[in-house]
Amino acid sequence: MLKTCSDITLILGLAVLGVLPAHAQSLTGNVGSANISAGERSVEVRAGFGDNGDAGARIHYEHAFSGSYQLRVIGSFSQPDSADWDFTGLTFENRFQWAEEADDSSGFNGGLRLAYTFADGKGPDEAHVRLTLTDKFADHWEWRANLIGEIETGNGSEGGVNIESRAQLTRELDIAALNASEWRLGAELFSEFGNSRDIPGFEQQAHQIGPVLKISWDNGVHLQTGARFGLTEGSDDSMFKLFVGREF
């Protein structure tokens, strides 16, 4: 695995946070980690709600076959404008870790995700590529950055690449409550820049920002909640998310 000095990774992380504003029209999107632990398994349920009445949900199962490869299977559901819930697609995501932070906190965690979504119904399938970077620094801080490219495939697909970025900065809190082993509080930014064939102006892009709270327990249970608020005309005004999962 590749390693580099923590000063460089800190500068890299701050640069990504600064130049890649982030949004998420995805109600169940996360700023993913690059970390993979061999043999680890987990399940997770996600739900998200938009101010326009839309809701989304995902069910995850993942298994790390080695310290550098993990498979995730995702079932996605949507409830547009308070209508009935519908199954929208099945995703197979291959996660690879190509850089690992050292025990002395030097270096960073780097990963790559390759995913394919089989859409339910007449819509096109989707293929995704995601670069993930993660680094803990200054004892209690962690930054994450994701850069995502997505293309549609099959019937009804459009050309070009849909480009997104996500970034998150959190700090561990000194809180002893609910018997939790760790509390983290911070902020995240999600951006959808548009299709590479015709990138719209900044105000027509979708950019959101908001707080995020993470709680984990020694038994592997973890919880994440947050809200994001629109920064541009092309983004939703607000959304709320809640993720609950457990590692084995």
Protein backbone atom coordinates (compact mmCIF):
# COMPACT_ATOMS: atom_id res chain seq x y z
CA MET A 1 0.00 0.00 0.00
CA LEU A 2 1.14 3.53 -0.77
CA LYS A 3 2.09 5.93 2.04
CA THR A 4 3.01 9.61 2.14
CA CYS A 5 3.52 12.25 4.81
CA SER A 6 0.57 13.55 6.81
CA ASP A 7 1.33 17.19 5.93
CA ILE A 8 0.80 16.45 2.23
CA THR A 9 -2.43 14.56 2.85
CA LEU A 10 -3.78 17.33 5.06
CA ILE A 11 -3.09 19.89 2.34
CA LEU A 12 -4.65 17.58 -0.24
CA GLY A 13 -7.74 17.09 1.90
CA LEU A 14 -8.23 20.80 2.52
CA ALA A 15 -7.72 21.51 -1.16
CA VAL A 16 -10.39 19.02 -2.14
CA LEU A 17 -12.76 20.44 0.44
CA GLY A 18 -12.13 23.88 -0.92
CA VAL A 19 -12.35 23.36 -4.66
CA LEU A 20 -14.94 20.61 -4.88
CA PRO A 21 -18.14 22.04 -3.45
CA ALA A 22 -20.56 19.27 -2.70
CA HIS A 23 -24.24 18.53 -3.00
CA ALA A 24 -26.53 15.61 -2.95
CA GLN A 25 -29.86 15.35 -4.63
CA SER A 26 -29.37 11.77 -3.49
CA LEU A 27 -31.40 11.48 -0.31
CA THR A 28 -29.40 8.47 0.88
CA GLY A 29 -25.91 9.46 -0.27
CA ASN A 30 -22.87 9.36 1.99
CA VAL A 31 -19.31 10.64 1.88
CA GLY A 32 -17.72 7.21 1.64
CA SER A 33 -14.64 5.99 3.43
CA ALA A 34 -11.66 4.33 1.73
CA ASN A 35 -11.03 2.02 4.70
CA ILE A 36 -11.37 -1.78 4.29
CA SER A 37 -10.77 -4.31 7.07
CA ALA A 38 -10.33 -7.95 6.03
CA GLY A 39 -13.20 -10.23 7.04
CA GLU A 40 -15.47 -7.39 8.12
CA ARG A 41 -19.17 -7.70 7.30
CA SER A 42 -21.93 -5.17 7.83
CA VAL A 43 -25.57 -4.41 7.14
CA GLU A 44 -27.07 -0.94 6.93
CA VAL A 45 -30.46 0.66 6.37
CA ARG A 46 -30.64 4.23 5.07
CA ALA A 47 -33.56 6.62 4.75
CA GLY A 48 -33.73 10.17 3.43
CA PHE A 49 -36.51 12.74 3.14
CA GLY A 50 -36.71 15.85 0.98
CA ASP A 51 -38.67 19.04 1.59
CA ASN A 52 -40.69 18.40 -1.60
CA GLY A 53 -42.24 15.19 -0.26
CA ASP A 54 -39.81 12.74 -1.89
CA ALA A 55 -38.28 9.93 0.17
CA GLY A 56 -35.63 7.32 -0.52
CA ALA A 57 -34.28 4.21 1.18
CA ARG A 58 -31.44 1.72 0.72
CA ILE A 59 -30.53 -1.63 2.25
CA HIS A 60 -26.83 -2.62 2.20
CA TYR A 61 -24.90 -5.79 2.81
CA GLU A 62 -21.13 -5.80 2.45
CA HIS A 63 -18.29 -8.22 3.02
CA ALA A 64 -14.53 -7.56 2.93
CA PHE A 65 -12.80 -10.53 1.32
CA SER A 66 -9.35 -9.05 2.03
CA GLY A 67 -7.74 -5.89 3.32
CA SER A 68 -7.98 -4.36 -0.14
CA TYR A 69 -11.26 -5.67 -1.63
CA GLN A 70 -14.85 -5.44 -0.43
CA LEU A 71 -18.14 -6.27 -2.16
CA ARG A 72 -21.32 -4.33 -1.38
CA VAL A 73 -24.84 -5.21 -2.56
CA ILE A 74 -27.45 -2.44 -2.41
CA GLY A 75 -31.20 -2.50 -2.86
CA SER A 76 -32.72 0.94 -3.52
CA PHE A 77 -36.28 2.18 -3.02
CA SER A 78 -38.04 5.49 -3.63
CA GLN A 79 -41.28 7.19 -2.68
CA PRO A 80 -41.78 10.14 -5.05
CA ASP A 81 -43.98 12.96 -3.75
CA SER A 82 -45.49 10.84 -0.94
CA ALA A 83 -46.73 8.15 -3.38
CA ASP A 84 -46.26 4.40 -2.87
CA TRP A 85 -42.81 2.96 -2.22
CA ASP A 86 -41.18 1.38 -5.29
CA PHE A 87 -38.09 -0.79 -5.73
CA THR A 88 -35.80 1.16 -8.07
CA GLY A 89 -32.65 -0.91 -8.55
CA LEU A 90 -30.03 -3.40 -7.43
CA THR A 91 -26.40 -2.31 -7.23
CA PHE A 92 -23.20 -4.36 -7.04
CA GLU A 93 -20.30 -2.24 -5.82
CA ASN A 94 -16.66 -3.39 -5.90
CA ARG A 95 -14.52 -1.45 -3.44
CA PHE A 96 -10.71 -1.39 -3.58
CA GLN A 97 -8.23 0.20 -1.16
CA TRP A 98 -4.92 1.22 -2.74
CA ALA A 99 -3.40 3.36 0.04
CA GLU A 100 -3.43 2.89 3.82
CA GLU A 101 -2.76 5.32 6.65
CA ALA A 102 0.13 4.17 8.85
CA ASP A 103 -0.10 3.45 12.58
CA ASP A 104 1.64 6.77 13.30
CA SER A 105 -1.12 8.56 11.28
CA SER A 106 1.20 9.36 8.41
CA GLY A 107 -0.19 8.89 4.93
CA PHE A 108 -3.86 8.54 4.04
CA ASN A 109 -6.46 5.98 3.00
CA GLY A 110 -7.18 5.90 -0.72
CA GLY A 111 -9.81 3.82 -2.46
CA LEU A 112 -11.65 3.22 -5.72
CA ARG A 113 -15.22 1.98 -6.19
CA LEU A 114 -16.65 0.45 -9.34
CA ALA A 115 -20.41 -0.11 -9.27
CA TYR A 116 -23.21 -1.11 -11.61
CA THR A 117 -26.92 -0.57 -10.95
CA PHE A 118 -29.55 -2.74 -12.62
CA ALA A 119 -32.58 -0.47 -12.80
CA ASP A 120 -36.04 -1.85 -12.13
CA GLY A 121 -38.49 -0.97 -14.91
CA LYS A 122 -37.86 0.78 -18.20
CA GLY A 123 -35.18 3.22 -17.08
CA PRO A 124 -31.51 2.88 -18.07
CA ASP A 125 -28.94 1.07 -15.94
CA GLU A 126 -26.07 3.08 -14.42
CA ALA A 127 -22.34 2.52 -14.03
CA HIS A 128 -20.40 4.45 -11.37
CA VAL A 129 -16.75 5.16 -10.63
CA ARG A 130 -15.81 6.79 -7.31
CA LEU A 131 -12.42 7.93 -6.00
CA THR A 132 -12.38 8.01 -2.19
CA LEU A 133 -9.83 9.65 0.13
CA THR A 134 -9.85 9.54 3.94
CA ASP A 135 -7.42 10.88 6.54
CA LYS A 136 -7.43 11.30 10.31
CA PHE A 137 -5.24 14.11 11.60
CA ALA A 138 -4.55 16.25 14.68
CA ASP A 139 -5.75 13.40 16.93
CA HIS A 140 -9.51 14.03 16.70
CA TRP A 141 -10.16 15.27 13.15
CA GLU A 142 -11.01 13.37 9.95
CA TRP A 143 -11.59 14.54 6.39
CA ARG A 144 -13.18 12.58 3.55
CA ALA A 145 -13.45 13.44 -0.12
CA ASN A 146 -15.19 11.63 -2.99
CA LEU A 147 -15.17 12.34 -6.72
CA ILE A 148 -17.85 10.46 -8.69
CA GLY A 149 -18.45 9.82 -12.38
CA GLU A 150 -21.66 8.15 -13.56
CA ILE A 151 -22.87 7.03 -16.98
CA GLU A 152 -26.18 5.58 -18.11
CA THR A 153 -26.30 2.35 -20.13
CA GLY A 154 -28.94 0.43 -22.03
CA ASN A 155 -32.30 1.57 -23.38
CA GLY A 156 -33.07 5.25 -22.89
CA SER A 157 -29.56 6.12 -21.79
CA GLU A 158 -28.08 9.57 -22.34
CA GLY A 159 -24.50 10.23 -23.35
CA GLY A 160 -21.86 11.97 -21.32
CA VAL A 161 -20.70 11.58 -17.72
CA ASN A 162 -22.62 12.95 -14.74
CA ILE A 163 -20.05 14.46 -12.37
CA GLU A 164 -20.45 14.75 -8.60
CA SER A 165 -18.25 15.44 -5.61
CA ARG A 166 -18.72 15.01 -1.88
CA ALA A 167 -16.65 16.17 1.08
CA GLN A 168 -16.88 15.86 4.84
CA LEU A 169 -14.95 17.18 7.83
CA THR A 170 -15.69 15.80 11.32
CA ARG A 171 -14.22 15.96 14.83
CA GLU A 172 -14.44 13.38 17.58
CA LEU A 173 -16.33 14.72 20.60
CA ASP A 174 -15.51 14.14 24.25
CA ILE A 175 -19.00 12.88 25.14
CA ALA A 176 -19.95 10.02 27.45
CA ALA A 177 -23.60 9.33 26.64
CA LEU A 178 -25.78 6.41 25.53
CA ASN A 179 -22.83 4.08 26.22
CA ALA A 180 -21.44 5.03 22.81
CA SER A 181 -17.77 4.47 22.05
CA GLU A 182 -17.45 7.43 19.67
CA TRP A 183 -19.29 10.61 18.76
CA ARG A 184 -18.30 12.66 15.70
CA LEU A 185 -19.76 16.00 14.62
CA GLY A 186 -19.00 17.94 11.48
CA ALA A 187 -20.19 19.24 8.15
CA GLU A 188 -20.50 17.87 4.64
CA LEU A 189 -20.87 19.33 1.17
CA PHE A 190 -22.45 17.60 -1.81
CA SER A 191 -22.32 18.80 -5.42
CA GLU A 192 -23.81 17.67 -8.69
CA PHE A 193 -22.06 19.58 -11.46
CA GLY A 194 -24.14 18.17 -14.33
CA ASN A 195 -23.41 16.18 -17.46
CA SER A 196 -19.98 16.51 -19.07
CA ARG A 197 -21.59 17.17 -22.46
CA ASP A 198 -23.21 20.38 -21.21
CA ILE A 199 -22.13 21.61 -17.76
CA PRO A 200 -24.63 24.27 -16.60
CA GLY A 201 -23.74 27.49 -14.82
CA PHE A 202 -23.05 27.43 -11.09
CA GLU A 203 -26.55 28.52 -10.04
CA GLN A 204 -28.13 25.76 -12.14
CA GLN A 205 -25.90 23.12 -10.53
CA ALA A 206 -27.01 21.36 -7.34
CA HIS A 207 -24.96 22.26 -4.25
CA GLN A 208 -25.92 21.56 -0.63
CA ILE A 209 -24.22 21.93 2.74
CA GLY A 210 -25.15 20.89 6.25
CA PRO A 211 -24.23 19.27 9.59
CA VAL A 212 -23.63 15.56 10.14
CA LEU A 213 -23.52 13.54 13.38
CA LYS A 214 -22.06 10.04 13.72
CA ILE A 215 -22.35 7.71 16.74
CA SER A 216 -20.83 4.23 17.12
CA TRP A 217 -20.90 1.54 19.80
CA ASP A 218 -18.50 -1.24 20.77
CA ASN A 219 -20.94 -3.92 19.57
CA GLY A 220 -20.58 -2.66 15.98
CA VAL A 221 -23.79 -0.66 15.79
CA HIS A 222 -23.43 2.76 14.17
CA LEU A 223 -25.78 5.63 13.46
CA GLN A 224 -25.45 8.65 11.19
CA THR A 225 -27.85 11.53 10.82
CA GLY A 226 -27.67 14.88 9.09
CA ALA A 227 -29.39 17.59 7.12
CA ARG A 228 -28.37 19.55 4.05
CA PHE A 229 -29.57 22.86 2.70
CA GLY A 230 -29.46 24.21 -0.84
CA LEU A 231 -26.87 26.79 -1.86
CA THR A 232 -27.96 27.28 -5.47
CA GLU A 233 -31.17 27.55 -7.49
CA GLY A 234 -30.60 24.09 -8.98
CA SER A 235 -30.58 22.30 -5.61
CA ASP A 236 -33.38 21.14 -3.32
CA ASP A 237 -34.03 23.52 -0.43
CA SER A 238 -33.45 20.93 2.30
CA MET A 239 -33.26 17.22 3.12
CA PHE A 240 -32.82 14.98 6.16
CA LYS A 241 -31.14 11.56 6.42
CA LEU A 242 -30.84 8.74 8.95
CA PHE A 243 -28.56 5.68 8.58
CA VAL A 244 -28.45 2.74 11.02
CA GLY A 245 -26.13 -0.24 10.60
CA ARG A 246 -24.04 -2.88 12.30
CA GLU A 247 -20.59 -4.32 11.62
CA PHE A 248 -19.77 -7.96 12.40
